[in-house]
Amino acid sequence: MPGMSIVPDLLAWYGRSARDLPWRAPDVSPWGVLVSEVMLQQTPVNRVLPAYAEWLARWPDPSALAAASPADAVRAWGRLGYPRRALRLHACAVAIRDRFGGDVPREVEALLELPGVGEYTARAVAAFAFGQRVPVVDTNVRRVVARAVAGQGAAGPPVTTRDHEAVEALLPADPSAAARFSVALMELGALVCIAHRPRCADCPITADCAWVAAGCPPYTGPTTRPQRFAGTDRQVRGRLMAVLREADASVPASDLEVTWDDAVQRDRALTSLLDDGLVERLPDDRYALPSGLGTQPETTAAGSSG
């Protein structure tokens, strides 16, 4: 099968070159894997490492986080970006405590039932926490497969079914080897087969790479436009959230007004934070991070099956 020749060389390379990351430790818990996957979404590893250590020291299991307030989660998230992830992780912890007895579920279908857990995260946890043979596809994996197997310089926009099928075709039959191969694909894409100026001379699968064999032709297919940050509502949201995270209690509207000169854009960003549940509006025109309402264990109605 095309591409299968890369499996042994890539696994051997990963054994020699893999970064020593805490979520890859043999004794890491499924909760530790889930936390890492949520934190690593659109955030570089070097920024995640200190936040990850602090998070697990404070909340070593789902029940510990579920007992905290959403505000605690958002505040601990700090400047990792996309703070809705903190709320989703808190909601996941509550669901795991109340619906799964405090244990992260093993199967992809059950993981997909958790708040905010999508296809990638569910498959990553199933593979990396429980050693299951499921395709795990991120940007790095798609790029490696596009080059090594399809002979294209880039992967182009994602197509979920196609991308899963392409990766699953490469997975070893043994589940533990398949999980290790998946993380090896990610590592190669992160360190060697990078988007710009790939380090082909250092690549363990260069001899079997279809793109190299074709002479490394430039990619001419469809692309996805990168998102800008400066001047966007995302930047305004970040400034508003910084004020609220650093406050020990609620803040008056005047504290938020000084974060951005454009009042229309500032109000739009604040409204979006309110809609997302990241901010609460209190009496007297004050604002705060979300309260702890709804974090207590669910009770079962009389006569229900639970």
Protein backbone atom coordinates (compact mmCIF):
# COMPACT_ATOMS: atom_id res chain seq x y z
CA MET A 1 0.00 0.00 0.00
CA PRO A 2 1.41 3.45 -0.89
CA GLY A 3 2.98 5.14 2.11
CA MET A 4 3.27 2.03 4.31
CA SER A 5 7.04 2.00 3.76
CA ILE A 6 7.35 5.11 5.93
CA VAL A 7 6.04 3.35 9.07
CA PRO A 8 9.16 1.57 10.41
CA ASP A 9 11.55 4.44 9.68
CA LEU A 10 9.22 7.00 11.23
CA LEU A 11 8.69 4.91 14.36
CA ALA A 12 12.44 4.41 14.73
CA TRP A 13 13.05 8.15 14.32
CA TYR A 14 10.41 8.96 16.92
CA GLY A 15 12.08 6.60 19.36
CA ARG A 16 15.34 8.56 18.94
CA SER A 17 14.07 12.11 18.55
CA ALA A 18 10.76 12.57 20.36
CA ARG A 19 10.54 15.56 22.66
CA ASP A 20 10.22 14.79 26.35
CA LEU A 21 6.77 16.27 27.01
CA PRO A 22 4.80 15.63 30.21
CA TRP A 23 1.63 14.48 28.45
CA ARG A 24 3.66 11.73 26.77
CA ALA A 25 4.95 10.27 30.03
CA PRO A 26 4.07 6.58 30.57
CA ASP A 27 2.20 7.37 33.77
CA VAL A 28 0.16 10.32 32.45
CA SER A 29 -3.53 9.99 33.23
CA PRO A 30 -6.29 10.16 30.61
CA TRP A 31 -7.29 13.46 32.23
CA GLY A 32 -3.74 14.74 31.69
CA VAL A 33 -3.97 13.79 28.01
CA LEU A 34 -7.35 15.50 27.64
CA VAL A 35 -6.08 18.68 29.30
CA SER A 36 -3.02 18.75 27.05
CA GLU A 37 -5.06 18.30 23.89
CA VAL A 38 -7.40 21.15 24.78
CA MET A 39 -4.52 23.45 25.73
CA LEU A 40 -2.50 22.65 22.62
CA GLN A 41 -5.28 23.71 20.25
CA GLN A 42 -3.83 26.71 18.37
CA THR A 43 -1.25 27.30 21.12
CA PRO A 44 2.53 26.57 20.92
CA VAL A 45 4.01 23.89 23.17
CA ASN A 46 6.34 26.31 24.99
CA ARG A 47 3.37 28.39 26.13
CA VAL A 48 1.38 25.35 27.18
CA LEU A 49 4.06 23.67 29.33
CA PRO A 50 3.93 25.97 32.41
CA ALA A 51 0.14 26.34 32.27
CA TYR A 52 -0.27 22.57 31.96
CA ALA A 53 1.89 21.88 35.00
CA GLU A 54 0.07 24.46 37.11
CA TRP A 55 -3.34 23.25 35.97
CA LEU A 56 -2.74 19.59 36.85
CA ALA A 57 -1.08 20.51 40.15
CA ARG A 58 -4.25 22.39 41.07
CA TRP A 59 -6.80 20.06 39.46
CA PRO A 60 -5.24 16.59 39.09
CA ASP A 61 -8.51 14.94 38.06
CA PRO A 62 -11.85 15.95 36.56
CA SER A 63 -13.68 16.00 39.88
CA ALA A 64 -11.22 18.51 41.31
CA LEU A 65 -11.85 20.93 38.45
CA ALA A 66 -15.59 20.31 38.52
CA ALA A 67 -15.64 21.44 42.17
CA ALA A 68 -14.07 24.77 41.19
CA SER A 69 -15.90 27.65 39.56
CA PRO A 70 -15.80 28.50 35.85
CA ALA A 71 -14.17 31.79 36.89
CA ASP A 72 -11.32 29.86 38.51
CA ALA A 73 -10.81 27.94 35.28
CA VAL A 74 -10.81 31.06 33.12
CA ARG A 75 -8.45 32.86 35.47
CA ALA A 76 -6.04 29.90 35.55
CA TRP A 77 -6.13 29.76 31.75
CA GLY A 78 -4.19 33.02 31.77
CA ARG A 79 -2.95 34.10 28.35
CA LEU A 80 -3.17 30.79 26.53
CA GLY A 81 -5.73 32.39 24.22
CA TYR A 82 -9.20 31.30 23.13
CA PRO A 83 -10.47 31.28 26.74
CA ARG A 84 -13.67 29.52 25.73
CA ARG A 85 -11.50 26.42 25.92
CA ALA A 86 -11.25 26.92 29.69
CA LEU A 87 -15.03 26.97 29.99
CA ARG A 88 -15.34 23.89 27.81
CA LEU A 89 -12.72 22.02 29.83
CA HIS A 90 -14.56 22.95 33.01
CA ALA A 91 -17.84 21.74 31.48
CA CYS A 92 -16.06 18.52 30.43
CA ALA A 93 -14.92 17.98 34.02
CA VAL A 94 -18.48 18.43 35.30
CA ALA A 95 -19.82 15.97 32.71
CA ILE A 96 -17.10 13.41 33.45
CA ARG A 97 -17.84 13.64 37.17
CA ASP A 98 -21.61 13.49 36.84
CA ARG A 99 -22.06 11.12 33.89
CA PHE A 100 -18.93 8.94 33.88
CA GLY A 101 -18.14 8.53 37.56
CA GLY A 102 -15.13 10.82 37.42
CA ASP A 103 -13.27 8.76 34.81
CA VAL A 104 -12.49 10.03 31.31
CA PRO A 105 -14.41 7.76 28.89
CA ARG A 106 -12.41 5.48 26.60
CA GLU A 107 -14.42 5.31 23.41
CA VAL A 108 -14.55 7.98 20.69
CA GLU A 109 -18.36 8.00 20.72
CA ALA A 110 -18.48 8.65 24.47
CA LEU A 111 -15.76 11.27 24.30
CA LEU A 112 -17.75 13.10 21.62
CA GLU A 113 -20.58 13.46 24.13
CA LEU A 114 -18.41 15.69 26.31
CA PRO A 115 -19.00 19.46 25.97
CA GLY A 116 -16.74 21.05 23.39
CA VAL A 117 -14.96 17.82 22.44
CA GLY A 118 -14.77 17.43 18.67
CA GLU A 119 -13.51 14.74 16.34
CA TYR A 120 -9.83 15.55 16.72
CA THR A 121 -9.79 15.73 20.52
CA ALA A 122 -11.92 12.61 20.95
CA ARG A 123 -9.64 10.59 18.67
CA ALA A 124 -6.48 11.98 20.24
CA VAL A 125 -7.61 10.97 23.74
CA ALA A 126 -8.74 7.54 22.56
CA ALA A 127 -5.35 6.96 20.90
CA PHE A 128 -2.90 8.63 23.27
CA ALA A 129 -4.61 7.91 26.59
CA PHE A 130 -6.04 4.47 25.82
CA GLY A 131 -3.88 3.16 22.98
CA GLN A 132 -6.70 2.66 20.49
CA ARG A 133 -6.25 2.32 16.74
CA VAL A 134 -8.05 5.41 15.47
CA PRO A 135 -6.79 8.01 12.97
CA VAL A 136 -5.74 11.25 14.68
CA VAL A 137 -5.48 14.10 12.20
CA ASP A 138 -4.17 17.60 12.86
CA THR A 139 -2.51 20.18 10.62
CA ASN A 140 0.93 18.60 10.99
CA VAL A 141 -0.34 15.11 10.17
CA ARG A 142 -2.22 16.33 7.12
CA ARG A 143 0.91 18.06 5.80
CA VAL A 144 3.15 15.00 6.27
CA VAL A 145 0.66 12.69 4.57
CA ALA A 146 0.07 15.13 1.73
CA ARG A 147 3.80 15.27 1.00
CA ALA A 148 4.96 11.75 1.77
CA VAL A 149 1.98 9.87 0.27
CA ALA A 150 0.19 12.21 -2.15
CA GLY A 151 3.28 14.05 -3.42
CA GLN A 152 1.79 17.50 -2.77
CA GLY A 153 3.63 20.41 -1.17
CA ALA A 154 0.70 21.19 1.15
CA ALA A 155 -2.49 19.54 2.31
CA GLY A 156 -4.96 22.25 1.29
CA PRO A 157 -8.21 22.83 3.18
CA PRO A 158 -9.27 19.94 5.45
CA VAL A 159 -11.86 17.35 4.40
CA THR A 160 -12.57 15.24 7.49
CA THR A 161 -13.61 11.93 5.95
CA ARG A 162 -10.89 11.96 3.31
CA ASP A 163 -8.21 12.95 5.82
CA HIS A 164 -9.22 10.22 8.29
CA GLU A 165 -9.22 7.59 5.56
CA ALA A 166 -5.77 8.64 4.35
CA VAL A 167 -4.27 8.37 7.82
CA GLU A 168 -6.10 5.19 8.79
CA ALA A 169 -4.66 3.48 5.72
CA LEU A 170 -1.17 4.05 7.15
CA LEU A 171 -1.81 2.87 10.71
CA PRO A 172 -0.15 -0.36 11.87
CA ALA A 173 -2.58 -3.12 12.80
CA ASP A 174 -1.41 -3.24 16.41
CA PRO A 175 -3.32 -0.57 18.39
CA SER A 176 -0.38 0.54 20.55
CA ALA A 177 1.88 0.82 17.49
CA ALA A 178 -0.86 2.73 15.67
CA ALA A 179 -1.13 5.24 18.52
CA ARG A 180 2.64 5.66 18.60
CA PHE A 181 2.72 6.11 14.82
CA SER A 182 0.06 8.83 15.05
CA VAL A 183 2.09 10.88 17.51
CA ALA A 184 5.22 10.25 15.42
CA LEU A 185 3.46 11.76 12.39
CA MET A 186 2.61 14.82 14.47
CA GLU A 187 6.15 15.14 15.74
CA LEU A 188 7.63 14.93 12.25
CA GLY A 189 5.28 17.65 11.04
CA ALA A 190 6.06 19.86 14.02
CA LEU A 191 9.85 19.54 13.92
CA VAL A 192 10.98 18.50 10.42
CA CYS A 193 8.23 18.49 7.77
CA ILE A 194 7.27 22.06 8.61
CA ALA A 195 5.10 24.26 6.43
CA HIS A 196 7.84 26.56 5.15
CA ARG A 197 11.36 25.39 4.34
CA PRO A 198 10.93 21.76 5.42
CA ARG A 199 14.12 20.11 6.68
CA CYS A 200 14.15 17.31 4.13
CA ALA A 201 17.84 16.57 4.75
CA ASP A 202 16.98 15.64 8.34
CA CYS A 203 13.82 13.69 7.52
CA PRO A 204 13.84 9.94 8.25
CA ILE A 205 11.40 9.17 5.41
CA THR A 206 12.93 11.28 2.63
CA ALA A 207 13.81 8.18 0.60
CA ASP A 208 10.13 7.19 0.52
CA CYS A 209 8.60 10.66 0.22
CA ALA A 210 6.47 11.08 -2.91
CA TRP A 211 6.90 14.85 -2.86
CA VAL A 212 10.70 14.62 -2.78
CA ALA A 213 10.63 11.98 -5.52
CA ALA A 214 8.60 14.40 -7.66
CA GLY A 215 11.19 17.14 -7.19
CA CYS A 216 9.35 19.07 -4.46
CA PRO A 217 6.93 20.86 -6.81
CA PRO A 218 5.24 23.99 -5.44
CA TYR A 219 1.70 23.56 -4.22
CA THR A 220 -0.89 25.06 -6.57
CA GLY A 221 -4.15 23.81 -5.05
CA PRO A 222 -6.73 25.60 -2.88
CA THR A 223 -5.52 27.30 0.28
CA THR A 224 -6.95 28.69 3.50
CA ARG A 225 -6.27 32.36 4.22
CA PRO A 226 -4.44 32.82 7.55
CA GLN A 227 -6.30 34.78 10.21
CA ARG A 228 -4.94 38.14 11.26
CA PHE A 229 -5.01 39.22 14.90
CA ALA A 230 -4.04 42.88 15.23
CA GLY A 231 -7.05 45.15 15.35
CA THR A 232 -9.58 42.32 15.35
CA ASP A 233 -12.36 41.61 17.82
CA ARG A 234 -10.19 38.76 19.10
CA GLN A 235 -7.58 41.26 20.24
CA VAL A 236 -10.24 43.39 21.94
CA ARG A 237 -11.70 40.33 23.64
CA GLY A 238 -8.24 39.46 24.93
CA ARG A 239 -7.79 42.88 26.48
CA LEU A 240 -11.18 42.78 28.15
CA MET A 241 -10.49 39.31 29.52
CA ALA A 242 -7.10 40.41 30.86
CA VAL A 243 -8.76 43.07 32.99
CA LEU A 244 -11.27 40.59 34.40
CA ARG A 245 -8.68 37.85 35.06
CA GLU A 246 -6.45 40.21 36.99
CA ALA A 247 -9.30 41.49 39.16
CA ASP A 248 -10.13 39.75 42.43
CA ALA A 249 -13.80 40.72 42.11
CA SER A 250 -16.14 42.42 39.66
CA VAL A 251 -15.03 45.56 37.84
CA PRO A 252 -16.97 48.66 36.78
CA ALA A 253 -17.65 49.28 33.12
CA SER A 254 -15.17 52.16 33.23
CA ASP A 255 -12.31 49.67 33.76
CA LEU A 256 -13.24 47.96 30.51
CA GLU A 257 -13.79 51.15 28.54
CA VAL A 258 -10.11 52.11 28.74
CA THR A 259 -8.98 48.89 27.04
CA TRP A 260 -9.94 49.97 23.50
CA ASP A 261 -10.67 53.36 21.92
CA ASP A 262 -13.26 52.20 19.40
CA ALA A 263 -16.42 52.02 21.55
CA VAL A 264 -18.47 50.23 18.88
CA GLN A 265 -15.90 47.47 18.46
CA ARG A 266 -15.33 47.25 22.21
CA ASP A 267 -19.05 46.86 22.90
CA ARG A 268 -19.31 44.24 20.16
CA ALA A 269 -16.44 42.27 21.70
CA LEU A 270 -17.93 42.55 25.17
CA THR A 271 -21.32 41.38 23.90
CA SER A 272 -19.68 38.34 22.31
CA LEU A 273 -17.97 37.50 25.61
CA LEU A 274 -21.30 37.75 27.39
CA ASP A 275 -22.92 35.52 24.75
CA ASP A 276 -20.11 32.96 25.12
CA GLY A 277 -20.57 32.82 28.89
CA LEU A 278 -17.05 34.09 29.55
CA VAL A 279 -18.27 37.27 31.25
CA GLU A 280 -21.27 38.05 33.44
CA ARG A 281 -23.03 41.41 33.68
CA LEU A 282 -23.84 42.28 37.30
CA PRO A 283 -25.99 45.02 38.83
CA ASP A 284 -24.69 48.60 38.87
CA ASP A 285 -23.04 48.16 35.47
CA ARG A 286 -20.30 45.86 36.75
CA TYR A 287 -18.74 42.83 35.07
CA ALA A 288 -17.04 39.65 36.26
CA LEU A 289 -15.83 36.25 35.16
CA PRO A 290 -18.54 33.56 35.25
CA SER A 291 -19.77 32.41 38.66
CA GLY A 292 -19.77 28.87 39.93
CA LEU A 293 -23.47 28.28 39.31
CA GLY A 294 -24.21 24.87 37.90
CA THR A 295 -21.00 23.17 39.07
CA GLN A 296 -22.54 21.05 41.81
CA PRO A 297 -23.14 17.34 41.08
CA GLU A 298 -26.29 16.57 39.15
CA THR A 299 -29.10 14.96 41.11
CA THR A 300 -31.29 12.25 39.64
CA ALA A 301 -35.02 12.81 39.58
CA ALA A 302 -37.09 10.32 41.54
CA GLY A 303 -38.03 7.32 39.44
CA SER A 304 -35.48 7.96 36.67
CA SER A 305 -32.93 5.43 35.56
CA GLY A 306 -30.03 7.87 36.10
